Amino acid sequence: MAEERTFDEHDAESLAFNVQVGERLRSIRRQKKMSLQDVELQSQEEFKASVVGAYERGERAISLPRMRRLATFYVVSIEQLLPRDDFMGDASAVVVSEKLVIDLQKLAMLKGQEFDMLSRFLSLIQVQRGDFNGKVLTVRNDDVRAIAAMINAPTDDVGKRLEGLGILFKTSQSN
């Protein structure tokens, strides 16, 4: 008779945490414009592509000493590799309940360093997603923090700030 394994919330919580750590690892690697093979080669095989890929998919947990070495390799602080506070469901965590859709055509008309930086960031997102309609782009929750830093706004005010700048596309107005 096969033994039935029970799945408790601690297993689910650990898995979810591994997935979020993996998303951070993948995001940082991609920001460094590195493939998994690049990581393996440039680390002189300390970090095997298959293992880093398993970390990024959340299939394998990364130890703290290994995470520290990977942070050093990526030249970031170890905190950058960890999920934000919203992982644990903190009531103060930022969750964008309404999708933010940015009007890329209106953004292109704005001048200034923060808008240039925002345009470049959104272009990178388009490339990653293979989304080249060029008119609008839906921003995911993970991208809101970066946008907040670029436009010098609190994370929970990003939608209001984008609307104030006239670059928030309102889907309800398209009727």
Protein backbone atom coordinates (compact mmCIF):
# COMPACT_ATOMS: atom_id res chain seq x y z
CA MET A 1 0.00 0.00 0.00
CA ALA A 2 1.42 3.38 -1.01
CA GLU A 3 1.88 5.89 1.75
CA GLU A 4 -0.22 9.00 1.26
CA ARG A 5 1.72 12.21 1.82
CA THR A 6 -0.19 15.10 3.30
CA PHE A 7 0.45 18.54 1.94
CA ASP A 8 0.41 21.17 4.65
CA GLU A 9 0.57 24.95 4.41
CA HIS A 10 4.21 25.00 5.46
CA ASP A 11 5.08 23.09 2.30
CA ALA A 12 3.02 25.50 0.21
CA GLU A 13 4.59 28.49 1.96
CA SER A 14 8.10 27.18 1.36
CA LEU A 15 7.35 26.47 -2.28
CA ALA A 16 5.86 29.95 -2.76
CA PHE A 17 8.91 31.50 -1.11
CA ASN A 18 11.26 29.51 -3.37
CA VAL A 19 9.31 30.67 -6.41
CA GLN A 20 9.54 34.31 -5.33
CA VAL A 21 13.27 34.04 -4.64
CA GLY A 22 13.63 32.44 -8.06
CA GLU A 23 11.76 35.30 -9.71
CA ARG A 24 14.13 37.78 -8.05
CA LEU A 25 17.16 35.75 -9.16
CA ARG A 26 15.90 35.61 -12.75
CA SER A 27 15.07 39.31 -12.76
CA ILE A 28 18.54 40.28 -11.56
CA ARG A 29 20.27 37.91 -13.99
CA ARG A 30 18.29 39.35 -16.87
CA GLN A 31 19.02 42.90 -15.75
CA LYS A 32 22.69 41.93 -15.93
CA LYS A 33 21.95 40.76 -19.50
CA MET A 34 23.24 37.30 -18.75
CA SER A 35 22.00 33.92 -19.91
CA LEU A 36 22.18 30.90 -17.62
CA GLN A 37 25.15 29.73 -19.65
CA ASP A 38 26.85 33.10 -19.14
CA VAL A 39 26.46 32.70 -15.38
CA GLU A 40 28.06 29.27 -15.52
CA LEU A 41 30.96 30.43 -17.69
CA GLN A 42 31.64 33.71 -15.92
CA SER A 43 31.49 32.09 -12.48
CA GLN A 44 34.00 29.50 -13.70
CA GLU A 45 31.31 26.85 -13.20
CA GLU A 46 30.69 27.68 -9.54
CA PHE A 47 27.06 28.24 -10.53
CA LYS A 48 25.92 25.60 -13.01
CA ALA A 49 23.29 26.76 -15.49
CA SER A 50 20.96 23.88 -14.62
CA VAL A 51 21.15 24.61 -10.88
CA VAL A 52 20.62 28.36 -11.27
CA GLY A 53 17.69 27.56 -13.57
CA ALA A 54 16.21 25.29 -10.89
CA TYR A 55 16.60 28.11 -8.33
CA GLU A 56 14.91 30.53 -10.70
CA ARG A 57 11.97 28.18 -11.27
CA GLY A 58 11.58 27.65 -7.52
CA GLU A 59 12.24 23.94 -7.93
CA ARG A 60 15.26 24.05 -5.66
CA ALA A 61 15.90 26.04 -2.46
CA ILE A 62 19.09 28.07 -2.29
CA SER A 63 21.11 28.07 0.93
CA LEU A 64 22.07 31.37 2.54
CA PRO A 65 25.83 30.92 1.99
CA ARG A 66 25.20 30.11 -1.68
CA MET A 67 22.83 33.07 -1.98
CA ARG A 68 25.53 35.32 -0.53
CA ARG A 69 28.04 34.06 -3.12
CA LEU A 70 25.52 34.56 -5.92
CA ALA A 71 24.81 38.11 -4.71
CA THR A 72 28.55 38.79 -4.75
CA PHE A 73 28.79 37.34 -8.26
CA TYR A 74 25.90 39.57 -9.46
CA VAL A 75 27.40 42.53 -7.56
CA VAL A 76 24.19 43.23 -5.62
CA SER A 77 23.34 43.11 -1.94
CA ILE A 78 21.88 39.85 -0.67
CA GLU A 79 18.67 41.74 0.17
CA GLN A 80 18.14 42.30 -3.55
CA LEU A 81 17.84 38.54 -4.02
CA LEU A 82 15.06 38.22 -1.45
CA PRO A 83 11.36 38.74 -2.08
CA ARG A 84 9.85 41.92 -0.72
CA ASP A 85 7.74 42.08 2.45
CA ASP A 86 4.54 41.48 0.52
CA PHE A 87 5.43 37.76 0.32
CA MET A 88 4.03 37.11 3.79
CA GLY A 89 0.78 38.92 3.09
CA ASP A 90 1.69 41.95 5.20
CA ALA A 91 -1.27 44.30 5.39
CA SER A 92 0.97 47.23 4.52
CA ALA A 93 2.31 45.48 1.42
CA VAL A 94 1.60 47.07 -1.91
CA VAL A 95 -0.70 45.17 -4.17
CA VAL A 96 -2.02 46.88 -7.23
CA SER A 97 -5.59 45.66 -7.43
CA GLU A 98 -6.32 47.64 -10.57
CA LYS A 99 -4.09 46.97 -13.54
CA LEU A 100 -1.92 49.88 -14.53
CA VAL A 101 -1.88 50.38 -18.27
CA ILE A 102 0.55 52.99 -19.51
CA ASP A 103 -0.10 54.93 -22.69
CA LEU A 104 3.28 54.63 -24.40
CA GLN A 105 2.44 57.22 -27.06
CA LYS A 106 1.68 59.89 -24.44
CA LEU A 107 4.80 58.91 -22.48
CA ALA A 108 6.92 59.41 -25.59
CA MET A 109 5.79 63.06 -25.73
CA LEU A 110 7.06 63.83 -22.21
CA LYS A 111 10.53 65.27 -21.79
CA GLY A 112 12.89 64.78 -18.89
CA GLN A 113 15.28 62.28 -17.37
CA GLU A 114 12.64 60.42 -15.35
CA PHE A 115 10.48 59.94 -18.44
CA ASP A 116 13.43 58.81 -20.54
CA MET A 117 14.34 56.28 -17.85
CA LEU A 118 10.72 55.11 -17.60
CA SER A 119 10.52 54.73 -21.39
CA ARG A 120 13.69 52.64 -21.45
CA PHE A 121 12.42 50.47 -18.59
CA LEU A 122 9.10 49.87 -20.33
CA SER A 123 10.93 49.09 -23.58
CA LEU A 124 12.86 46.38 -21.73
CA ILE A 125 9.59 44.94 -20.47
CA GLN A 126 8.23 44.94 -24.03
CA VAL A 127 11.29 43.07 -25.25
CA GLN A 128 11.05 40.50 -22.45
CA ARG A 129 7.38 39.91 -23.17
CA GLY A 130 7.65 40.13 -26.94
CA ASP A 131 4.91 42.79 -26.77
CA PHE A 132 5.48 45.37 -29.46
CA ASN A 133 2.08 46.96 -30.07
CA GLY A 134 3.73 50.26 -29.15
CA LYS A 135 0.53 51.88 -27.90
CA VAL A 136 -0.02 50.67 -24.34
CA LEU A 137 1.69 48.40 -21.83
CA THR A 138 0.16 46.74 -18.78
CA VAL A 139 2.48 46.98 -15.80
CA ARG A 140 2.75 44.03 -13.44
CA ASN A 141 2.94 44.34 -9.66
CA ASP A 142 6.64 43.43 -9.68
CA ASP A 143 7.39 46.44 -11.90
CA VAL A 144 5.54 49.02 -9.78
CA ARG A 145 8.41 49.43 -7.30
CA ALA A 146 10.89 50.22 -10.04
CA ILE A 147 8.49 52.71 -11.61
CA ALA A 148 7.93 54.34 -8.21
CA ALA A 149 11.66 54.93 -7.89
CA MET A 150 11.87 56.39 -11.40
CA ILE A 151 9.03 58.86 -10.91
CA ASN A 152 9.93 59.57 -7.28
CA ALA A 153 6.59 58.47 -5.85
CA PRO A 154 5.53 56.11 -3.06
CA THR A 155 4.73 52.68 -4.44
CA ASP A 156 1.07 52.88 -3.52
CA ASP A 157 0.74 56.25 -5.31
CA VAL A 158 2.17 55.13 -8.66
CA GLY A 159 -1.24 54.84 -10.33
CA LYS A 160 -2.28 58.30 -9.14
CA ARG A 161 1.02 59.82 -10.22
CA LEU A 162 0.84 58.21 -13.68
CA GLU A 163 -2.72 59.46 -14.01
CA GLY A 164 -1.64 62.95 -12.96
CA LEU A 165 1.07 62.88 -15.62
CA GLY A 166 -1.57 61.94 -18.18
CA ILE A 167 0.08 58.66 -19.18
CA LEU A 168 -2.23 56.21 -17.42
CA PHE A 169 -4.48 54.59 -19.99
CA LYS A 170 -7.96 54.07 -18.62
CA THR A 171 -9.53 50.97 -20.14
CA SER A 172 -12.97 51.98 -18.85
CA GLN A 173 -12.78 55.16 -20.98
CA SER A 174 -12.39 53.18 -24.18
CA ASN A 175 -16.14 52.42 -24.36
